[in-house]
Full PDB file with SEQRES, HELIX, SHEET, SSBOND, CRYST1, ORIGX, SCALE, CONECT and MASTER records, all heavy atoms in Angstrom:
SEQRES   1 A   40  THR GLU ARG ASP GLY VAL ASP VAL VAL GLY ASP ALA GLY          
SEQRES   2 A   40  SER ARG GLU VAL LEU GLU ALA ALA GLY VAL ALA GLU ALA          
SEQRES   3 A   40  ASP ALA VAL ILE VAL ALA LEU PRO ASP ASP SER THR SER          
SEQRES   4 A   40  LEU                                                          
HELIX    1 AA1 ARG A   15  ALA A   20  1                                   6    
HELIX    2 AA2 VAL A   23  GLU A   25  5                                   3    
HELIX    3 AA3 ASP A   36  SER A   39  1                                   4    
CRYST1    1.000    1.000    1.000  90.00  90.00  90.00 P 1           1          
ORIGX1      1.000000  0.000000  0.000000        0.00000                         
ORIGX2      0.000000  1.000000  0.000000        0.00000                         
ORIGX3      0.000000  0.000000  1.000000        0.00000                         
SCALE1      1.000000  0.000000  0.000000        0.00000                         
SCALE2      0.000000  1.000000  0.000000        0.00000                         
SCALE3      0.000000  0.000000  1.000000        0.00000                         
ATOM      1  N   THR A   1      18.150  -7.000  12.557  1.00  0.00           N  
ATOM      2  CA  THR A   1      19.077  -6.821  13.674  1.00  0.00           C  
ATOM      3  C   THR A   1      19.323  -8.156  14.360  1.00  0.00           C  
ATOM      4  O   THR A   1      18.379  -8.880  14.706  1.00  0.00           O  
ATOM      5  CB  THR A   1      18.513  -5.815  14.702  1.00  0.00           C  
ATOM      6  OG1 THR A   1      18.220  -4.585  14.042  1.00  0.00           O  
ATOM      7  CG2 THR A   1      19.495  -5.584  15.836  1.00  0.00           C  
ATOM      8  N   GLU A   2      20.584  -8.463  14.583  1.00  0.00           N  
ATOM      9  CA  GLU A   2      20.941  -9.698  15.276  1.00  0.00           C  
ATOM     10  C   GLU A   2      20.766  -9.506  16.780  1.00  0.00           C  
ATOM     11  O   GLU A   2      21.407  -8.662  17.396  1.00  0.00           O  
ATOM     12  CB  GLU A   2      22.387 -10.091  14.964  1.00  0.00           C  
ATOM     13  CG  GLU A   2      22.792 -11.422  15.580  1.00  0.00           C  
ATOM     14  CD  GLU A   2      24.186 -11.863  15.150  1.00  0.00           C  
ATOM     15  OE1 GLU A   2      24.835 -11.109  14.405  1.00  0.00           O  
ATOM     16  OE2 GLU A   2      24.603 -12.961  15.569  1.00  0.00           O  
ATOM     17  N   ARG A   3      19.886 -10.278  17.383  1.00  0.00           N  
ATOM     18  CA  ARG A   3      19.632 -10.212  18.821  1.00  0.00           C  
ATOM     19  C   ARG A   3      18.934 -11.480  19.252  1.00  0.00           C  
ATOM     20  O   ARG A   3      18.575 -12.317  18.428  1.00  0.00           O  
ATOM     21  CB  ARG A   3      18.783  -8.993  19.182  1.00  0.00           C  
ATOM     22  CG  ARG A   3      17.490  -8.839  18.412  1.00  0.00           C  
ATOM     23  CD  ARG A   3      16.923  -7.440  18.563  1.00  0.00           C  
ATOM     24  NE  ARG A   3      15.774  -7.197  17.705  1.00  0.00           N  
ATOM     25  CZ  ARG A   3      14.515  -7.267  18.083  1.00  0.00           C  
ATOM     26  NH1 ARG A   3      14.224  -7.599  19.348  1.00  0.00           N  
ATOM     27  NH2 ARG A   3      13.529  -7.013  17.253  1.00  0.00           N  
ATOM     28  N   ASP A   4      18.758 -11.619  20.550  1.00  0.00           N  
ATOM     29  CA  ASP A   4      18.112 -12.815  21.079  1.00  0.00           C  
ATOM     30  C   ASP A   4      16.708 -12.964  20.490  1.00  0.00           C  
ATOM     31  O   ASP A   4      15.951 -11.994  20.422  1.00  0.00           O  
ATOM     32  CB  ASP A   4      18.027 -12.741  22.599  1.00  0.00           C  
ATOM     33  CG  ASP A   4      19.384 -12.855  23.269  1.00  0.00           C  
ATOM     34  OD1 ASP A   4      20.312 -13.327  22.594  1.00  0.00           O  
ATOM     35  OD2 ASP A   4      19.511 -12.455  24.442  1.00  0.00           O  
ATOM     36  N   GLY A   5      16.392 -14.177  20.112  1.00  0.00           N  
ATOM     37  CA  GLY A   5      15.056 -14.448  19.591  1.00  0.00           C  
ATOM     38  C   GLY A   5      14.947 -14.358  18.091  1.00  0.00           C  
ATOM     39  O   GLY A   5      13.921 -14.731  17.526  1.00  0.00           O  
ATOM     40  N   VAL A   6      15.994 -13.861  17.424  1.00  0.00           N  
ATOM     41  CA  VAL A   6      15.972 -13.760  15.958  1.00  0.00           C  
ATOM     42  C   VAL A   6      16.657 -14.983  15.373  1.00  0.00           C  
ATOM     43  O   VAL A   6      17.830 -15.254  15.669  1.00  0.00           O  
ATOM     44  CB  VAL A   6      16.670 -12.465  15.474  1.00  0.00           C  
ATOM     45  CG1 VAL A   6      16.711 -12.435  13.948  1.00  0.00           C  
ATOM     46  CG2 VAL A   6      15.958 -11.249  16.017  1.00  0.00           C  
ATOM     47  N   ASP A   7      15.953 -15.727  14.529  1.00  0.00           N  
ATOM     48  CA  ASP A   7      16.512 -16.953  13.950  1.00  0.00           C  
ATOM     49  C   ASP A   7      17.277 -16.694  12.664  1.00  0.00           C  
ATOM     50  O   ASP A   7      18.307 -17.320  12.406  1.00  0.00           O  
ATOM     51  CB  ASP A   7      15.378 -17.950  13.674  1.00  0.00           C  
ATOM     52  CG  ASP A   7      14.638 -18.341  14.944  1.00  0.00           C  
ATOM     53  OD1 ASP A   7      15.305 -18.751  15.903  1.00  0.00           O  
ATOM     54  OD2 ASP A   7      13.401 -18.214  14.976  1.00  0.00           O  
ATOM     55  N   VAL A   8      16.759 -15.799  11.830  1.00  0.00           N  
ATOM     56  CA  VAL A   8      17.409 -15.483  10.561  1.00  0.00           C  
ATOM     57  C   VAL A   8      17.624 -13.976  10.507  1.00  0.00           C  
ATOM     58  O   VAL A   8      16.664 -13.195  10.577  1.00  0.00           O  
ATOM     59  CB  VAL A   8      16.557 -15.930   9.358  1.00  0.00           C  
ATOM     60  CG1 VAL A   8      17.245 -15.564   8.050  1.00  0.00           C  
ATOM     61  CG2 VAL A   8      16.285 -17.427   9.424  1.00  0.00           C  
ATOM     62  N   VAL A   9      18.891 -13.560  10.395  1.00  0.00           N  
ATOM     63  CA  VAL A   9      19.215 -12.142  10.349  1.00  0.00           C  
ATOM     64  C   VAL A   9      19.320 -11.703   8.891  1.00  0.00           C  
ATOM     65  O   VAL A   9      20.085 -12.282   8.110  1.00  0.00           O  
ATOM     66  CB  VAL A   9      20.540 -11.842  11.079  1.00  0.00           C  
ATOM     67  CG1 VAL A   9      20.875 -10.353  10.985  1.00  0.00           C  
ATOM     68  CG2 VAL A   9      20.455 -12.283  12.532  1.00  0.00           C  
ATOM     69  N   GLY A  10      18.520 -10.697   8.525  1.00  0.00           N  
ATOM     70  CA  GLY A  10      18.560 -10.209   7.154  1.00  0.00           C  
ATOM     71  C   GLY A  10      17.282  -9.472   6.789  1.00  0.00           C  
ATOM     72  O   GLY A  10      16.348  -9.374   7.593  1.00  0.00           O  
ATOM     73  N   ASP A  11      17.256  -8.971   5.574  1.00  0.00           N  
ATOM     74  CA  ASP A  11      16.114  -8.224   5.068  1.00  0.00           C  
ATOM     75  C   ASP A  11      15.044  -9.192   4.580  1.00  0.00           C  
ATOM     76  O   ASP A  11      15.295 -10.004   3.679  1.00  0.00           O  
ATOM     77  CB  ASP A  11      16.574  -7.309   3.933  1.00  0.00           C  
ATOM     78  CG  ASP A  11      15.463  -6.433   3.384  1.00  0.00           C  
ATOM     79  OD1 ASP A  11      14.319  -6.539   3.885  1.00  0.00           O  
ATOM     80  OD2 ASP A  11      15.729  -5.652   2.456  1.00  0.00           O  
ATOM     81  N   ALA A  12      13.847  -9.106   5.164  1.00  0.00           N  
ATOM     82  CA  ALA A  12      12.767 -10.012   4.764  1.00  0.00           C  
ATOM     83  C   ALA A  12      12.330  -9.778   3.327  1.00  0.00           C  
ATOM     84  O   ALA A  12      11.615 -10.609   2.752  1.00  0.00           O  
ATOM     85  CB  ALA A  12      11.575  -9.852   5.706  1.00  0.00           C  
ATOM     86  N   GLY A  13      12.739  -8.658   2.741  1.00  0.00           N  
ATOM     87  CA  GLY A  13      12.423  -8.385   1.347  1.00  0.00           C  
ATOM     88  C   GLY A  13      13.410  -9.016   0.391  1.00  0.00           C  
ATOM     89  O   GLY A  13      13.455  -8.650  -0.787  1.00  0.00           O  
ATOM     90  N   SER A  14      14.180  -9.978   0.895  1.00  0.00           N  
ATOM     91  CA  SER A  14      15.164 -10.677   0.063  1.00  0.00           C  
ATOM     92  C   SER A  14      14.740 -12.124  -0.100  1.00  0.00           C  
ATOM     93  O   SER A  14      14.399 -12.813   0.861  1.00  0.00           O  
ATOM     94  CB  SER A  14      16.550 -10.611   0.717  1.00  0.00           C  
ATOM     95  OG  SER A  14      17.425 -11.559   0.160  1.00  0.00           O  
ATOM     96  N   ARG A  15      14.782 -12.629  -1.330  1.00  0.00           N  
ATOM     97  CA  ARG A  15      14.408 -14.012  -1.592  1.00  0.00           C  
ATOM     98  C   ARG A  15      15.313 -14.978  -0.830  1.00  0.00           C  
ATOM     99  O   ARG A  15      14.841 -15.996  -0.281  1.00  0.00           O  
ATOM    100  CB  ARG A  15      14.489 -14.298  -3.097  1.00  0.00           C  
ATOM    101  CG  ARG A  15      14.083 -15.725  -3.466  1.00  0.00           C  
ATOM    102  CD  ARG A  15      14.244 -15.935  -4.981  1.00  0.00           C  
ATOM    103  NE  ARG A  15      13.308 -15.110  -5.721  1.00  0.00           N  
ATOM    104  CZ  ARG A  15      12.069 -15.496  -6.039  1.00  0.00           C  
ATOM    105  NH1 ARG A  15      11.622 -16.678  -5.661  1.00  0.00           N  
ATOM    106  NH2 ARG A  15      11.291 -14.692  -6.720  1.00  0.00           N  
ATOM    107  N   GLU A  16      16.607 -14.681  -0.776  1.00  0.00           N  
ATOM    108  CA  GLU A  16      17.546 -15.567  -0.092  1.00  0.00           C  
ATOM    109  C   GLU A  16      17.212 -15.678   1.396  1.00  0.00           C  
ATOM    110  O   GLU A  16      17.280 -16.769   1.980  1.00  0.00           O  
ATOM    111  CB  GLU A  16      18.985 -15.052  -0.265  1.00  0.00           C  
ATOM    112  CG  GLU A  16      19.534 -15.161  -1.680  1.00  0.00           C  
ATOM    113  CD  GLU A  16      18.966 -14.100  -2.613  1.00  0.00           C  
ATOM    114  OE1 GLU A  16      18.373 -13.119  -2.100  1.00  0.00           O  
ATOM    115  OE2 GLU A  16      19.063 -14.267  -3.846  1.00  0.00           O  
ATOM    116  N   VAL A  17      16.840 -14.571   2.015  1.00  0.00           N  
ATOM    117  CA  VAL A  17      16.505 -14.588   3.442  1.00  0.00           C  
ATOM    118  C   VAL A  17      15.246 -15.400   3.680  1.00  0.00           C  
ATOM    119  O   VAL A  17      15.166 -16.200   4.627  1.00  0.00           O  
ATOM    120  CB  VAL A  17      16.343 -13.140   3.970  1.00  0.00           C  
ATOM    121  CG1 VAL A  17      15.766 -13.148   5.385  1.00  0.00           C  
ATOM    122  CG2 VAL A  17      17.684 -12.419   3.951  1.00  0.00           C  
ATOM    123  N   LEU A  18      14.243 -15.226   2.838  1.00  0.00           N  
ATOM    124  CA  LEU A  18      13.005 -15.986   2.988  1.00  0.00           C  
ATOM    125  C   LEU A  18      13.248 -17.475   2.773  1.00  0.00           C  
ATOM    126  O   LEU A  18      12.644 -18.319   3.457  1.00  0.00           O  
ATOM    127  CB  LEU A  18      11.950 -15.472   2.002  1.00  0.00           C  
ATOM    128  CG  LEU A  18      11.444 -14.039   2.224  1.00  0.00           C  
ATOM    129  CD1 LEU A  18      10.403 -13.669   1.173  1.00  0.00           C  
ATOM    130  CD2 LEU A  18      10.854 -13.878   3.615  1.00  0.00           C  
ATOM    131  N   GLU A  19      14.114 -17.809   1.826  1.00  0.00           N  
ATOM    132  CA  GLU A  19      14.443 -19.223   1.613  1.00  0.00           C  
ATOM    133  C   GLU A  19      15.154 -19.787   2.831  1.00  0.00           C  
ATOM    134  O   GLU A  19      14.883 -20.927   3.260  1.00  0.00           O  
ATOM    135  CB  GLU A  19      15.322 -19.373   0.363  1.00  0.00           C  
ATOM    136  CG  GLU A  19      14.570 -19.116  -0.940  1.00  0.00           C  
ATOM    137  CD  GLU A  19      15.480 -19.171  -2.155  1.00  0.00           C  
ATOM    138  OE1 GLU A  19      16.723 -19.046  -1.966  1.00  0.00           O  
ATOM    139  OE2 GLU A  19      14.971 -19.323  -3.276  1.00  0.00           O  
ATOM    140  N   ALA A  20      16.060 -18.997   3.430  1.00  0.00           N  
ATOM    141  CA  ALA A  20      16.789 -19.455   4.611  1.00  0.00           C  
ATOM    142  C   ALA A  20      15.843 -19.679   5.790  1.00  0.00           C  
ATOM    143  O   ALA A  20      16.084 -20.544   6.643  1.00  0.00           O  
ATOM    144  CB  ALA A  20      17.868 -18.445   4.989  1.00  0.00           C  
ATOM    145  N   ALA A  21      14.747 -18.905   5.839  1.00  0.00           N  
ATOM    146  CA  ALA A  21      13.766 -19.048   6.925  1.00  0.00           C  
ATOM    147  C   ALA A  21      12.810 -20.208   6.677  1.00  0.00           C  
ATOM    148  O   ALA A  21      12.001 -20.544   7.560  1.00  0.00           O  
ATOM    149  CB  ALA A  21      12.973 -17.754   7.086  1.00  0.00           C  
ATOM    150  N   GLY A  22      12.884 -20.820   5.504  1.00  0.00           N  
ATOM    151  CA  GLY A  22      12.040 -21.972   5.220  1.00  0.00           C  
ATOM    152  C   GLY A  22      10.622 -21.626   4.806  1.00  0.00           C  
ATOM    153  O   GLY A  22       9.694 -22.395   5.083  1.00  0.00           O  
ATOM    154  N   VAL A  23      10.451 -20.490   4.118  1.00  0.00           N  
ATOM    155  CA  VAL A  23       9.102 -20.101   3.683  1.00  0.00           C  
ATOM    156  C   VAL A  23       8.514 -21.132   2.730  1.00  0.00           C  
ATOM    157  O   VAL A  23       7.299 -21.389   2.738  1.00  0.00           O  
ATOM    158  CB  VAL A  23       9.134 -18.697   3.035  1.00  0.00           C  
ATOM    159  CG1 VAL A  23       7.815 -18.401   2.328  1.00  0.00           C  
ATOM    160  CG2 VAL A  23       9.425 -17.638   4.069  1.00  0.00           C  
ATOM    161  N   ALA A  24       9.346 -21.773   1.943  1.00  0.00           N  
ATOM    162  CA  ALA A  24       8.855 -22.741   0.966  1.00  0.00           C  
ATOM    163  C   ALA A  24       8.166 -23.919   1.633  1.00  0.00           C  
ATOM    164  O   ALA A  24       7.268 -24.540   1.039  1.00  0.00           O  
ATOM    165  CB  ALA A  24      10.012 -23.235   0.093  1.00  0.00           C  
ATOM    166  N   GLU A  25       8.560 -24.244   2.877  1.00  0.00           N  
ATOM    167  CA  GLU A  25       7.951 -25.360   3.599  1.00  0.00           C  
ATOM    168  C   GLU A  25       7.038 -24.888   4.732  1.00  0.00           C  
ATOM    169  O   GLU A  25       6.476 -25.715   5.462  1.00  0.00           O  
ATOM    170  CB  GLU A  25       9.034 -26.270   4.194  1.00  0.00           C  
ATOM    171  CG  GLU A  25       9.946 -26.921   3.173  1.00  0.00           C  
ATOM    172  CD  GLU A  25      11.047 -25.985   2.697  1.00  0.00           C  
ATOM    173  OE1 GLU A  25      11.458 -25.116   3.499  1.00  0.00           O  
ATOM    174  OE2 GLU A  25      11.476 -26.111   1.536  1.00  0.00           O  
ATOM    175  N   ALA A  26       6.889 -23.583   4.904  1.00  0.00           N  
ATOM    176  CA  ALA A  26       6.115 -23.057   6.037  1.00  0.00           C  
ATOM    177  C   ALA A  26       4.618 -23.192   5.776  1.00  0.00           C  
ATOM    178  O   ALA A  26       4.159 -23.306   4.641  1.00  0.00           O  
ATOM    179  CB  ALA A  26       6.482 -21.600   6.292  1.00  0.00           C  
ATOM    180  N   ASP A  27       3.868 -23.184   6.871  1.00  0.00           N  
ATOM    181  CA  ASP A  27       2.416 -23.254   6.776  1.00  0.00           C  
ATOM    182  C   ASP A  27       1.782 -21.874   6.745  1.00  0.00           C  
ATOM    183  O   ASP A  27       0.673 -21.702   6.257  1.00  0.00           O  
ATOM    184  CB  ASP A  27       1.860 -24.033   7.967  1.00  0.00           C  
ATOM    185  CG  ASP A  27       2.503 -25.403   8.064  1.00  0.00           C  
ATOM    186  OD1 ASP A  27       2.306 -26.205   7.152  1.00  0.00           O  
ATOM    187  OD2 ASP A  27       3.231 -25.637   9.048  1.00  0.00           O  
ATOM    188  N   ALA A  28       2.493 -20.874   7.305  1.00  0.00           N  
ATOM    189  CA  ALA A  28       1.975 -19.503   7.294  1.00  0.00           C  
ATOM    190  C   ALA A  28       3.143 -18.534   7.430  1.00  0.00           C  
ATOM    191  O   ALA A  28       4.191 -18.873   7.994  1.00  0.00           O  
ATOM    192  CB  ALA A  28       0.980 -19.279   8.430  1.00  0.00           C  
ATOM    193  N   VAL A  29       2.956 -17.346   6.901  1.00  0.00           N  
ATOM    194  CA  VAL A  29       3.931 -16.270   7.039  1.00  0.00           C  
ATOM    195  C   VAL A  29       3.207 -15.054   7.589  1.00  0.00           C  
ATOM    196  O   VAL A  29       2.199 -14.618   7.024  1.00  0.00           O  
ATOM    197  CB  VAL A  29       4.596 -15.910   5.691  1.00  0.00           C  
ATOM    198  CG1 VAL A  29       5.531 -14.717   5.861  1.00  0.00           C  
ATOM    199  CG2 VAL A  29       5.351 -17.102   5.131  1.00  0.00           C  
ATOM    200  N   ILE A  30       3.705 -14.526   8.693  1.00  0.00           N  
ATOM    201  CA  ILE A  30       3.174 -13.294   9.265  1.00  0.00           C  
ATOM    202  C   ILE A  30       4.154 -12.178   8.949  1.00  0.00           C  
ATOM    203  O   ILE A  30       5.291 -12.191   9.408  1.00  0.00           O  
ATOM    204  CB  ILE A  30       2.976 -13.421  10.791  1.00  0.00           C  
ATOM    205  CG1 ILE A  30       1.958 -14.513  11.099  1.00  0.00           C  
ATOM    206  CG2 ILE A  30       2.522 -12.087  11.384  1.00  0.00           C  
ATOM    207  CD1 ILE A  30       1.793 -14.793  12.576  1.00  0.00           C  
ATOM    208  N   VAL A  31       3.719 -11.222   8.139  1.00  0.00           N  
ATOM    209  CA  VAL A  31       4.578 -10.097   7.749  1.00  0.00           C  
ATOM    210  C   VAL A  31       4.293  -8.953   8.719  1.00  0.00           C  
ATOM    211  O   VAL A  31       3.244  -8.304   8.649  1.00  0.00           O  
ATOM    212  CB  VAL A  31       4.304  -9.668   6.292  1.00  0.00           C  
ATOM    213  CG1 VAL A  31       5.239  -8.517   5.906  1.00  0.00           C  
ATOM    214  CG2 VAL A  31       4.491 -10.858   5.356  1.00  0.00           C  
ATOM    215  N   ALA A  32       5.239  -8.712   9.636  1.00  0.00           N  
ATOM    216  CA  ALA A  32       5.047  -7.722  10.698  1.00  0.00           C  
ATOM    217  C   ALA A  32       6.074  -6.607  10.592  1.00  0.00           C  
ATOM    218  O   ALA A  32       6.620  -6.134  11.591  1.00  0.00           O  
ATOM    219  CB  ALA A  32       5.157  -8.412  12.068  1.00  0.00           C  
ATOM    220  N   LEU A  33       6.321  -6.163   9.377  1.00  0.00           N  
ATOM    221  CA  LEU A  33       7.345  -5.146   9.119  1.00  0.00           C  
ATOM    222  C   LEU A  33       6.747  -3.744   9.196  1.00  0.00           C  
ATOM    223  O   LEU A  33       5.599  -3.532   8.821  1.00  0.00           O  
ATOM    224  CB  LEU A  33       7.964  -5.367   7.738  1.00  0.00           C  
ATOM    225  CG  LEU A  33       8.579  -6.754   7.512  1.00  0.00           C  
ATOM    226  CD1 LEU A  33       8.919  -6.957   6.046  1.00  0.00           C  
ATOM    227  CD2 LEU A  33       9.831  -6.910   8.373  1.00  0.00           C  
ATOM    228  N   PRO A  34       7.523  -2.751   9.663  1.00  0.00           N  
ATOM    229  CA  PRO A  34       7.000  -1.387   9.792  1.00  0.00           C  
ATOM    230  C   PRO A  34       6.881  -0.635   8.475  1.00  0.00           C  
ATOM    231  O   PRO A  34       6.110   0.318   8.366  1.00  0.00           O  
ATOM    232  CB  PRO A  34       8.009  -0.708  10.724  1.00  0.00           C  
ATOM    233  CG  PRO A  34       9.283  -1.457  10.504  1.00  0.00           C  
ATOM    234  CD  PRO A  34       8.886  -2.881  10.231  1.00  0.00           C  
ATOM    235  N   ASP A  35       7.643  -1.045   7.458  1.00  0.00           N  
ATOM    236  CA  ASP A  35       7.645  -0.340   6.178  1.00  0.00           C  
ATOM    237  C   ASP A  35       6.729  -1.057   5.195  1.00  0.00           C  
ATOM    238  O   ASP A  35       6.924  -2.250   4.905  1.00  0.00           O  
ATOM    239  CB  ASP A  35       9.062  -0.256   5.614  1.00  0.00           C  
ATOM    240  CG  ASP A  35       9.109   0.475   4.278  1.00  0.00           C  
ATOM    241  OD1 ASP A  35       8.909   1.704   4.266  1.00  0.00           O  
ATOM    242  OD2 ASP A  35       9.322  -0.203   3.250  1.00  0.00           O  
ATOM    243  N   ASP A  36       5.733  -0.351   4.665  1.00  0.00           N  
ATOM    244  CA  ASP A  36       4.750  -0.982   3.784  1.00  0.00           C  
ATOM    245  C   ASP A  36       5.353  -1.465   2.472  1.00  0.00           C  
ATOM    246  O   ASP A  36       4.958  -2.509   1.946  1.00  0.00           O  
ATOM    247  CB  ASP A  36       3.598  -0.013   3.505  1.00  0.00           C  
ATOM    248  CG  ASP A  36       2.684   0.159   4.705  1.00  0.00           C  
ATOM    249  OD1 ASP A  36       2.819  -0.612   5.677  1.00  0.00           O  
ATOM    250  OD2 ASP A  36       1.830   1.070   4.681  1.00  0.00           O  
ATOM    251  N   SER A  37       6.285  -0.724   1.927  1.00  0.00           N  
ATOM    252  CA  SER A  37       6.898  -1.136   0.659  1.00  0.00           C  
ATOM    253  C   SER A  37       7.620  -2.470   0.824  1.00  0.00           C  
ATOM    254  O   SER A  37       7.506  -3.369  -0.017  1.00  0.00           O  
ATOM    255  CB  SER A  37       7.880  -0.064   0.168  1.00  0.00           C  
ATOM    256  OG  SER A  37       7.198   1.129  -0.153  1.00  0.00           O  
ATOM    257  N   THR A  38       8.356  -2.610   1.921  1.00  0.00           N  
ATOM    258  CA  THR A  38       9.039  -3.875   2.192  1.00  0.00           C  
ATOM    259  C   THR A  38       8.042  -4.990   2.458  1.00  0.00           C  
ATOM    260  O   THR A  38       8.235  -6.138   2.047  1.00  0.00           O  
ATOM    261  CB  THR A  38       9.990  -3.721   3.399  1.00  0.00           C  
ATOM    262  OG1 THR A  38      10.874  -2.629   3.184  1.00  0.00           O  
ATOM    263  CG2 THR A  38      10.807  -4.988   3.606  1.00  0.00           C  
ATOM    264  N   SER A  39       6.935  -4.651   3.144  1.00  0.00           N  
ATOM    265  CA  SER A  39       5.901  -5.657   3.417  1.00  0.00           C  
ATOM    266  C   SER A  39       5.286  -6.177   2.124  1.00  0.00           C  
ATOM    267  O   SER A  39       5.060  -7.389   1.970  1.00  0.00           O  
ATOM    268  CB  SER A  39       4.808  -5.052   4.300  1.00  0.00           C  
ATOM    269  OG  SER A  39       5.313  -4.719   5.574  1.00  0.00           O  
ATOM    270  N   LEU A  40       5.005  -5.286   1.182  1.00  0.00           N  
ATOM    271  CA  LEU A  40       4.430  -5.703  -0.093  1.00  0.00           C  
ATOM    272  C   LEU A  40       5.403  -6.571  -0.877  1.00  0.00           C  
ATOM    273  O   LEU A  40       5.017  -7.589  -1.474  1.00  0.00           O  
ATOM    274  CB  LEU A  40       4.033  -4.476  -0.913  1.00  0.00           C  
ATOM    275  CG  LEU A  40       2.928  -3.590  -0.309  1.00  0.00           C  
ATOM    276  CD1 LEU A  40       2.717  -2.345  -1.160  1.00  0.00           C  
ATOM    277  CD2 LEU A  40       1.617  -4.371  -0.205  1.00  0.00           C  
TER     278      LEU A  40                                                      
MASTER        0    0    0    3    0    0    0    6  277    1    0    4          
END                                                                             
């Protein structure tokens, strides 16, 4: 959902979205999603 405080709008279960968020250069990823299948 696009709203204040959200830097990248999209499904975290998408490779393109994770790349846009800079996961490849990140030091840690916190997966705080409500759906377990998407979290996995």
